[in-house]
Amino acid sequence: MSNQIYYVRTGGSRRCLSGVSGLGCLSAIALTAALTALDPYPEPAAAAAVKQNEVRLYLPDAAASKVLSVTAEATAQAEVFVLTQAVAIKETGPKETVAKFGEVYAFSPSFIAVHRDEPTRLTFWNLQPDDEHDFMLADPSGNVLMHVKLAALSKLSWVFTFHEEGLFDFYCTVHQPEMNGQILVLPPVPKKP
């Protein structure tokens, strides 16, 4: 993961999520900002060098699996349905909102609490017939653990088992800054004697 540069564009600013930190992060942001200063919504100028990493879709690798295990088939002790929600879109408006901010989407729920080492099935439903979304999950330090596509009118399900406690951010990188959320990983449930 050390060669990946992920960032979230918030208005005109950018912040790194993973791959580089400190001065490296600032250098990457400064470079992309300087090279794309003429276009307010550009593809990153450094895209030629990192494009394959920005669009790469993957589940947690061996290193990330120390923090989070994800599998399609497993028995879950809990289940959460995460829906994509159209807040303001061109088809239904409000037109003033769409004109000022563009289409606005959200995850629902945008906050999920789970217990460490408790397998939890997260089922994602993309309810939009004409819009793709994605789901990118970062650990509390901002390292990207997984990045998957949520195709239009699709339903995908995985069993997540978090092995570390903390607050994990998730994003739809297609619809920033509004489409994001958090997973709070709590201590394990005490076992009954």
Protein backbone atom coordinates (compact mmCIF):
# COMPACT_ATOMS: atom_id res chain seq x y z
CA MET A 1 0.00 0.00 0.00
CA SER A 2 2.92 2.38 0.32
CA ASN A 3 2.75 3.37 -3.37
CA GLN A 4 -0.91 4.35 -3.29
CA ILE A 5 -2.03 7.93 -3.02
CA TYR A 6 -5.64 8.33 -1.97
CA TYR A 7 -7.20 11.63 -1.13
CA VAL A 8 -10.63 13.08 -0.64
CA ARG A 9 -11.46 16.36 -2.33
CA THR A 10 -13.42 18.61 0.03
CA GLY A 11 -14.47 21.72 -1.82
CA GLY A 12 -11.20 22.97 -3.26
CA SER A 13 -8.99 21.22 -0.72
CA ARG A 14 -7.56 17.72 -0.58
CA ARG A 15 -6.44 15.49 2.27
CA CYS A 16 -4.54 12.24 2.08
CA LEU A 17 -6.18 9.07 3.28
CA SER A 18 -3.42 6.59 2.72
CA GLY A 19 -0.18 5.79 1.06
CA VAL A 20 1.87 8.80 2.01
CA SER A 21 2.02 10.83 5.16
CA GLY A 22 3.60 13.96 6.52
CA LEU A 23 5.67 15.86 3.98
CA GLY A 24 5.03 13.18 1.36
CA CYS A 25 1.30 13.79 1.65
CA LEU A 26 1.73 17.54 1.48
CA SER A 27 4.04 17.18 -1.53
CA ALA A 28 1.54 14.97 -3.37
CA ILE A 29 -1.30 17.41 -2.66
CA ALA A 30 0.82 20.42 -3.64
CA LEU A 31 1.94 18.74 -6.85
CA THR A 32 -1.57 17.81 -7.94
CA ALA A 33 -2.92 21.23 -6.95
CA ALA A 34 -0.16 23.09 -8.82
CA LEU A 35 -0.48 21.02 -11.97
CA THR A 36 -4.27 21.24 -12.04
CA ALA A 37 -4.77 24.85 -10.93
CA LEU A 38 -6.64 25.83 -14.10
CA ASP A 39 -9.43 23.25 -13.70
CA PRO A 40 -11.52 23.42 -10.47
CA TYR A 41 -12.55 19.72 -10.75
CA PRO A 42 -9.65 18.06 -12.51
CA GLU A 43 -8.49 14.51 -12.62
CA PRO A 44 -5.33 14.54 -10.49
CA ALA A 45 -2.29 15.64 -12.46
CA ALA A 46 -0.30 12.83 -10.93
CA ALA A 47 -2.90 10.44 -12.36
CA ALA A 48 -0.51 9.14 -15.00
CA ALA A 49 1.74 7.84 -12.25
CA VAL A 50 -0.91 6.58 -9.83
CA LYS A 51 -4.04 6.13 -11.95
CA GLN A 52 -3.98 2.34 -11.72
CA ASN A 53 -3.81 2.61 -7.93
CA GLU A 54 -6.64 5.15 -7.71
CA VAL A 55 -9.10 2.95 -9.57
CA ARG A 56 -7.87 -0.35 -8.24
CA LEU A 57 -10.62 -2.25 -6.47
CA TYR A 58 -9.70 -4.79 -3.82
CA LEU A 59 -10.53 -6.47 -0.53
CA PRO A 60 -8.04 -6.35 2.37
CA ASP A 61 -4.62 -7.82 1.55
CA ALA A 62 -2.51 -9.88 3.99
CA ALA A 63 -1.24 -6.81 5.87
CA ALA A 64 -4.71 -5.22 6.13
CA SER A 65 -6.19 -8.56 7.26
CA LYS A 66 -4.42 -8.05 10.59
CA VAL A 67 -6.83 -5.16 11.12
CA LEU A 68 -9.87 -6.42 9.18
CA SER A 69 -10.92 -9.73 7.66
CA VAL A 70 -13.53 -9.67 4.89
CA THR A 71 -15.13 -12.71 3.33
CA ALA A 72 -18.18 -13.34 1.19
CA GLU A 73 -19.12 -16.58 2.90
CA ALA A 74 -19.09 -16.85 6.68
CA THR A 75 -21.49 -17.03 9.56
CA ALA A 76 -22.24 -13.57 10.94
CA GLN A 77 -23.30 -12.75 14.49
CA ALA A 78 -24.85 -9.44 13.41
CA GLU A 79 -26.07 -7.83 10.18
CA VAL A 80 -26.35 -4.26 8.93
CA PHE A 81 -27.90 -3.09 5.66
CA VAL A 82 -26.22 -0.03 4.14
CA LEU A 83 -28.23 1.77 1.47
CA THR A 84 -27.18 4.43 -1.00
CA GLN A 85 -29.58 7.32 -0.62
CA ALA A 86 -30.30 10.05 -3.16
CA VAL A 87 -30.61 13.27 -1.16
CA ALA A 88 -30.83 15.73 -4.08
CA ILE A 89 -30.61 14.51 -7.68
CA LYS A 90 -31.35 15.99 -11.09
CA GLU A 91 -34.47 13.84 -11.60
CA THR A 92 -36.23 14.86 -8.37
CA GLY A 93 -34.44 18.03 -7.18
CA PRO A 94 -34.72 20.34 -5.44
CA LYS A 95 -33.38 22.10 -8.53
CA GLU A 96 -31.76 24.95 -6.56
CA THR A 97 -29.79 22.48 -4.45
CA VAL A 98 -28.66 20.46 -7.46
CA ALA A 99 -27.69 23.67 -9.30
CA LYS A 100 -25.58 24.88 -6.37
CA PHE A 101 -24.05 21.62 -5.09
CA GLY A 102 -24.57 19.05 -7.83
CA GLU A 103 -26.17 15.72 -7.07
CA VAL A 104 -25.96 14.79 -3.39
CA TYR A 105 -25.91 11.21 -2.10
CA ALA A 106 -25.45 9.61 1.31
CA PHE A 107 -24.93 6.23 2.91
CA SER A 108 -27.72 5.18 5.25
CA PRO A 109 -26.85 4.50 7.97
CA SER A 110 -23.72 6.61 7.98
CA PHE A 111 -22.69 5.41 11.45
CA ILE A 112 -22.31 1.75 12.39
CA ALA A 113 -21.11 0.28 15.69
CA VAL A 114 -19.69 -3.25 15.82
CA HIS A 115 -17.65 -5.30 18.28
CA ARG A 116 -14.06 -6.37 17.76
CA ASP A 117 -13.72 -9.99 16.61
CA GLU A 118 -17.49 -10.30 16.05
CA PRO A 119 -18.27 -11.28 12.43
CA THR A 120 -20.78 -8.74 11.10
CA ARG A 121 -22.42 -8.96 7.68
CA LEU A 122 -22.61 -5.62 5.88
CA THR A 123 -24.95 -5.72 2.90
CA PHE A 124 -24.70 -2.78 0.51
CA TRP A 125 -27.67 -1.86 -1.69
CA ASN A 126 -27.08 0.68 -4.44
CA LEU A 127 -30.63 1.85 -5.06
CA GLN A 128 -29.80 4.23 -7.91
CA PRO A 129 -30.61 2.90 -11.40
CA ASP A 130 -28.13 5.18 -13.19
CA ASP A 131 -25.35 5.96 -10.69
CA GLU A 132 -22.41 3.86 -9.58
CA HIS A 133 -20.95 4.27 -6.13
CA ASP A 134 -17.99 2.72 -4.39
CA PHE A 135 -17.05 1.87 -0.82
CA MET A 136 -13.56 2.68 0.43
CA LEU A 137 -12.75 1.83 4.06
CA ALA A 138 -9.82 3.38 5.94
CA ASP A 139 -8.43 2.42 9.34
CA PRO A 140 -8.10 4.97 12.19
CA SER A 141 -4.69 6.03 10.81
CA GLY A 142 -6.12 6.68 7.33
CA ASN A 143 -4.68 3.58 5.64
CA VAL A 144 -7.05 2.26 3.00
CA LEU A 145 -8.06 -1.32 3.79
CA MET A 146 -10.44 -2.03 0.93
CA HIS A 147 -12.05 -0.38 -2.08
CA VAL A 148 -14.98 -1.98 -3.91
CA LYS A 149 -17.40 -0.89 -6.62
CA LEU A 150 -21.15 -0.67 -5.97
CA ALA A 151 -22.69 -0.92 -9.43
CA ALA A 152 -26.07 0.66 -10.18
CA LEU A 153 -29.00 -1.37 -8.81
CA SER A 154 -26.71 -3.88 -7.13
CA LYS A 155 -26.60 -5.69 -3.81
CA LEU A 156 -23.27 -6.89 -2.40
CA SER A 157 -22.61 -8.55 0.92
CA TRP A 158 -19.49 -9.37 2.95
CA VAL A 159 -18.79 -10.49 6.48
CA PHE A 160 -16.47 -8.01 8.20
CA THR A 161 -14.46 -9.02 11.27
CA PHE A 162 -12.50 -6.14 12.78
CA HIS A 163 -9.45 -7.18 14.78
CA GLU A 164 -8.66 -3.70 16.14
CA GLU A 165 -10.81 -1.19 17.98
CA GLY A 166 -11.24 2.38 16.82
CA LEU A 167 -13.09 4.64 14.42
CA PHE A 168 -12.91 3.56 10.77
CA ASP A 169 -13.97 6.04 8.07
CA PHE A 170 -15.68 4.95 4.87
CA TYR A 171 -16.28 6.90 1.67
CA CYS A 172 -17.85 6.82 -1.73
CA THR A 173 -14.94 8.36 -3.63
CA VAL A 174 -17.27 9.21 -6.53
CA HIS A 175 -19.48 11.49 -4.42
CA GLN A 176 -17.33 13.55 -2.09
CA PRO A 177 -17.47 15.31 0.27
CA GLU A 178 -20.98 14.29 1.32
CA MET A 179 -21.11 10.51 0.91
CA ASN A 180 -19.19 9.10 3.84
CA GLY A 181 -19.60 7.48 7.21
CA GLN A 182 -17.90 5.79 10.14
CA ILE A 183 -17.69 2.37 11.72
CA LEU A 184 -16.95 2.38 15.45
CA VAL A 185 -15.30 -0.83 16.57
CA LEU A 186 -15.96 -1.41 20.27
CA PRO A 187 -14.30 -3.88 22.65
CA PRO A 188 -15.53 -7.47 22.43
CA VAL A 189 -18.73 -8.40 24.20
CA PRO A 190 -17.76 -9.98 27.53
CA LYS A 191 -18.37 -13.72 27.56
CA LYS A 192 -20.95 -14.96 30.01
CA PRO A 193 -19.56 -17.21 32.74
